[in-house]
PDB file of N, CA and C in Angstrom:
ATOM      1  N   UNK A   1      -6.903 -26.158  11.537  1.00  0.00           N
ATOM      2  CA  UNK A   1      -7.947 -26.544  10.601  1.00  0.00           C
ATOM      3  C   UNK A   1      -7.383 -27.483   9.549  1.00  0.00           C
ATOM      4  N   UNK A   2      -7.063 -28.656   9.928  1.00  0.00           N
ATOM      5  CA  UNK A   2      -6.501 -29.595   8.968  1.00  0.00           C
ATOM      6  C   UNK A   2      -7.577 -30.449   8.319  1.00  0.00           C
ATOM      7  N   UNK A   3      -8.693 -30.615   8.976  1.00  0.00           N
ATOM      8  CA  UNK A   3      -9.775 -31.422   8.431  1.00  0.00           C
ATOM      9  C   UNK A   3     -10.468 -30.661   7.298  1.00  0.00           C
ATOM     10  N   UNK A   4     -10.675 -31.337   6.170  1.00  0.00           N
ATOM     11  CA  UNK A   4     -11.271 -30.667   5.005  1.00  0.00           C
ATOM     12  C   UNK A   4     -12.656 -30.117   5.319  1.00  0.00           C
ATOM     13  N   UNK A   5     -13.447 -30.818   6.097  1.00  0.00           N
ATOM     14  CA  UNK A   5     -14.786 -30.322   6.417  1.00  0.00           C
ATOM     15  C   UNK A   5     -14.718 -29.047   7.255  1.00  0.00           C
ATOM     16  N   UNK A   6     -13.740 -28.938   8.138  1.00  0.00           N
ATOM     17  CA  UNK A   6     -13.562 -27.705   8.914  1.00  0.00           C
ATOM     18  C   UNK A   6     -13.169 -26.566   7.997  1.00  0.00           C
ATOM     19  N   UNK A   7     -12.303 -26.837   7.038  1.00  0.00           N
ATOM     20  CA  UNK A   7     -11.878 -25.813   6.085  1.00  0.00           C
ATOM     21  C   UNK A   7     -13.056 -25.360   5.234  1.00  0.00           C
ATOM     22  N   UNK A   8     -13.841 -26.309   4.774  1.00  0.00           N
ATOM     23  CA  UNK A   8     -15.005 -25.974   3.954  1.00  0.00           C
ATOM     24  C   UNK A   8     -16.009 -25.159   4.754  1.00  0.00           C
ATOM     25  N   UNK A   9     -16.207 -25.506   5.998  1.00  0.00           N
ATOM     26  CA  UNK A   9     -17.110 -24.746   6.866  1.00  0.00           C
ATOM     27  C   UNK A   9     -16.598 -23.317   7.050  1.00  0.00           C
ATOM     28  N   UNK A  10     -15.290 -23.157   7.226  1.00  0.00           N
ATOM     29  CA  UNK A  10     -14.707 -21.818   7.381  1.00  0.00           C
ATOM     30  C   UNK A  10     -14.894 -20.996   6.107  1.00  0.00           C
ATOM     31  N   UNK A  11     -14.730 -21.618   4.950  1.00  0.00           N
ATOM     32  CA  UNK A  11     -14.924 -20.920   3.675  1.00  0.00           C
ATOM     33  C   UNK A  11     -16.371 -20.489   3.522  1.00  0.00           C
ATOM     34  N   UNK A  12     -17.305 -21.368   3.840  1.00  0.00           N
ATOM     35  CA  UNK A  12     -18.724 -21.023   3.741  1.00  0.00           C
ATOM     36  C   UNK A  12     -19.095 -19.898   4.699  1.00  0.00           C
ATOM     37  N   UNK A  13     -18.539 -19.915   5.897  1.00  0.00           N
ATOM     38  CA  UNK A  13     -18.790 -18.852   6.876  1.00  0.00           C
ATOM     39  C   UNK A  13     -18.266 -17.526   6.353  1.00  0.00           C
ATOM     40  N   UNK A  14     -17.065 -17.532   5.793  1.00  0.00           N
ATOM     41  CA  UNK A  14     -16.494 -16.312   5.226  1.00  0.00           C
ATOM     42  C   UNK A  14     -17.351 -15.787   4.082  1.00  0.00           C
ATOM     43  N   UNK A  15     -17.822 -16.673   3.224  1.00  0.00           N
ATOM     44  CA  UNK A  15     -18.691 -16.250   2.115  1.00  0.00           C
ATOM     45  C   UNK A  15     -19.952 -15.579   2.625  1.00  0.00           C
ATOM     46  N   UNK A  16     -20.531 -16.124   3.673  1.00  0.00           N
ATOM     47  CA  UNK A  16     -21.744 -15.530   4.248  1.00  0.00           C
ATOM     48  C   UNK A  16     -21.454 -14.145   4.824  1.00  0.00           C
ATOM     49  N   UNK A  17     -20.303 -13.989   5.466  1.00  0.00           N
ATOM     50  CA  UNK A  17     -19.948 -12.717   6.087  1.00  0.00           C
ATOM     51  C   UNK A  17     -19.718 -11.617   5.054  1.00  0.00           C
ATOM     52  N   UNK A  18     -19.155 -11.959   3.907  1.00  0.00           N
ATOM     53  CA  UNK A  18     -18.804 -10.933   2.918  1.00  0.00           C
ATOM     54  C   UNK A  18     -19.787 -10.870   1.757  1.00  0.00           C
ATOM     55  N   UNK A  19     -20.864 -11.600   1.825  1.00  0.00           N
ATOM     56  CA  UNK A  19     -21.820 -11.694   0.717  1.00  0.00           C
ATOM     57  C   UNK A  19     -22.361 -10.337   0.274  1.00  0.00           C
ATOM     58  N   UNK A  20     -22.651  -9.451   1.207  1.00  0.00           N
ATOM     59  CA  UNK A  20     -23.259  -8.161   0.870  1.00  0.00           C
ATOM     60  C   UNK A  20     -22.246  -7.047   0.626  1.00  0.00           C
ATOM     61  N   UNK A  21     -20.955  -7.358   0.690  1.00  0.00           N
ATOM     62  CA  UNK A  21     -19.934  -6.340   0.474  1.00  0.00           C
ATOM     63  C   UNK A  21     -19.805  -6.075  -1.021  1.00  0.00           C
ATOM     64  N   UNK A  22     -19.945  -4.815  -1.408  1.00  0.00           N
ATOM     65  CA  UNK A  22     -19.898  -4.430  -2.820  1.00  0.00           C
ATOM     66  C   UNK A  22     -18.521  -3.911  -3.238  1.00  0.00           C
ATOM     67  N   UNK A  23     -17.802  -3.324  -2.286  1.00  0.00           N
ATOM     68  CA  UNK A  23     -16.498  -2.744  -2.592  1.00  0.00           C
ATOM     69  C   UNK A  23     -15.472  -3.234  -1.576  1.00  0.00           C
ATOM     70  N   UNK A  24     -14.226  -3.307  -2.025  1.00  0.00           N
ATOM     71  CA  UNK A  24     -13.134  -3.739  -1.157  1.00  0.00           C
ATOM     72  C   UNK A  24     -11.899  -2.899  -1.475  1.00  0.00           C
ATOM     73  N   UNK A  25     -10.909  -2.990  -0.628  1.00  0.00           N
ATOM     74  CA  UNK A  25      -9.642  -2.299  -0.866  1.00  0.00           C
ATOM     75  C   UNK A  25      -8.532  -3.340  -0.989  1.00  0.00           C
ATOM     76  N   UNK A  26      -7.778  -3.250  -2.082  1.00  0.00           N
ATOM     77  CA  UNK A  26      -6.601  -4.093  -2.270  1.00  0.00           C
ATOM     78  C   UNK A  26      -5.405  -3.270  -1.809  1.00  0.00           C
ATOM     79  N   UNK A  27      -4.663  -3.785  -0.836  1.00  0.00           N
ATOM     80  CA  UNK A  27      -3.506  -3.064  -0.306  1.00  0.00           C
ATOM     81  C   UNK A  27      -2.256  -3.884  -0.598  1.00  0.00           C
ATOM     82  N   UNK A  28      -1.261  -3.221  -1.210  1.00  0.00           N
ATOM     83  CA  UNK A  28       0.018  -3.872  -1.503  1.00  0.00           C
ATOM     84  C   UNK A  28       1.145  -3.071  -0.859  1.00  0.00           C
ATOM     85  N   UNK A  29       2.309  -3.714  -0.735  1.00  0.00           N
ATOM     86  CA  UNK A  29       3.489  -3.080  -0.163  1.00  0.00           C
ATOM     87  C   UNK A  29       4.560  -3.053  -1.244  1.00  0.00           C
ATOM     88  N   UNK A  30       5.148  -1.869  -1.478  1.00  0.00           N
ATOM     89  CA  UNK A  30       6.214  -1.794  -2.478  1.00  0.00           C
ATOM     90  C   UNK A  30       7.558  -2.154  -1.833  1.00  0.00           C
ATOM     91  N   UNK A  31       8.617  -2.139  -2.630  1.00  0.00           N
ATOM     92  CA  UNK A  31       9.933  -2.573  -2.142  1.00  0.00           C
ATOM     93  C   UNK A  31      10.491  -1.649  -1.052  1.00  0.00           C
ATOM     94  N   UNK A  32       9.957  -0.441  -0.948  1.00  0.00           N
ATOM     95  CA  UNK A  32      10.386   0.494   0.100  1.00  0.00           C
ATOM     96  C   UNK A  32       9.572   0.360   1.381  1.00  0.00           C
ATOM     97  N   UNK A  33       8.555  -0.500   1.349  1.00  0.00           N
ATOM     98  CA  UNK A  33       7.708  -0.692   2.519  1.00  0.00           C
ATOM     99  C   UNK A  33       6.497   0.212   2.566  1.00  0.00           C
ATOM    100  N   UNK A  34       6.279   0.995   1.507  1.00  0.00           N
ATOM    101  CA  UNK A  34       5.113   1.874   1.446  1.00  0.00           C
ATOM    102  C   UNK A  34       3.865   1.083   1.063  1.00  0.00           C
ATOM    103  N   UNK A  35       2.759   1.437   1.688  1.00  0.00           N
ATOM    104  CA  UNK A  35       1.490   0.803   1.372  1.00  0.00           C
ATOM    105  C   UNK A  35       0.791   1.562   0.256  1.00  0.00           C
ATOM    106  N   UNK A  36       0.148   0.829  -0.630  1.00  0.00           N
ATOM    107  CA  UNK A  36      -0.661   1.444  -1.678  1.00  0.00           C
ATOM    108  C   UNK A  36      -2.016   0.756  -1.672  1.00  0.00           C
ATOM    109  N   UNK A  37      -3.075   1.530  -1.607  1.00  0.00           N
ATOM    110  CA  UNK A  37      -4.442   0.996  -1.567  1.00  0.00           C
ATOM    111  C   UNK A  37      -5.169   1.331  -2.857  1.00  0.00           C
ATOM    112  N   UNK A  38      -5.964   0.359  -3.325  1.00  0.00           N
ATOM    113  CA  UNK A  38      -6.763   0.553  -4.537  1.00  0.00           C
ATOM    114  C   UNK A  38      -8.178   0.046  -4.267  1.00  0.00           C
ATOM    115  N   UNK A  39      -9.176   0.870  -4.568  1.00  0.00           N
ATOM    116  CA  UNK A  39     -10.558   0.404  -4.413  1.00  0.00           C
ATOM    117  C   UNK A  39     -10.908  -0.586  -5.526  1.00  0.00           C
ATOM    118  N   UNK A  40     -11.704  -1.565  -5.173  1.00  0.00           N
ATOM    119  CA  UNK A  40     -12.122  -2.580  -6.145  1.00  0.00           C
ATOM    120  C   UNK A  40     -13.581  -2.953  -5.906  1.00  0.00           C
ATOM    121  N   UNK A  41     -14.271  -3.339  -6.968  1.00  0.00           N
ATOM    122  CA  UNK A  41     -15.609  -3.904  -6.847  1.00  0.00           C
ATOM    123  C   UNK A  41     -15.473  -5.409  -6.709  1.00  0.00           C
ATOM    124  N   UNK A  42     -16.328  -5.992  -5.907  1.00  0.00           N
ATOM    125  CA  UNK A  42     -16.283  -7.437  -5.739  1.00  0.00           C
ATOM    126  C   UNK A  42     -16.930  -8.120  -6.940  1.00  0.00           C
ATOM    127  N   UNK A  43     -16.584  -9.357  -7.178  1.00  0.00           N
ATOM    128  CA  UNK A  43     -17.087 -10.112  -8.332  1.00  0.00           C
ATOM    129  C   UNK A  43     -18.598 -10.238  -8.281  1.00  0.00           C
ATOM    130  N   UNK A  44     -19.223 -10.077  -9.423  1.00  0.00           N
ATOM    131  CA  UNK A  44     -20.658 -10.242  -9.516  1.00  0.00           C
ATOM    132  C   UNK A  44     -21.463  -9.004  -9.165  1.00  0.00           C
ATOM    133  N   UNK A  45     -20.796  -7.895  -8.908  1.00  0.00           N
ATOM    134  CA  UNK A  45     -21.519  -6.685  -8.521  1.00  0.00           C
ATOM    135  C   UNK A  45     -21.179  -5.585  -9.469  1.00  0.00           C
TER     136      UNK A  45
END
């Protein structure tokens, strides 16, 4: 996806797919390799 219009189309498609999602999980990895998950509300909700 090097063409800017293809990238923009992919971004718009992603926005449409996640538009109705109200909550998400942020997952990070610590220095020991353990996963930590945190619930989050999406912007505007």
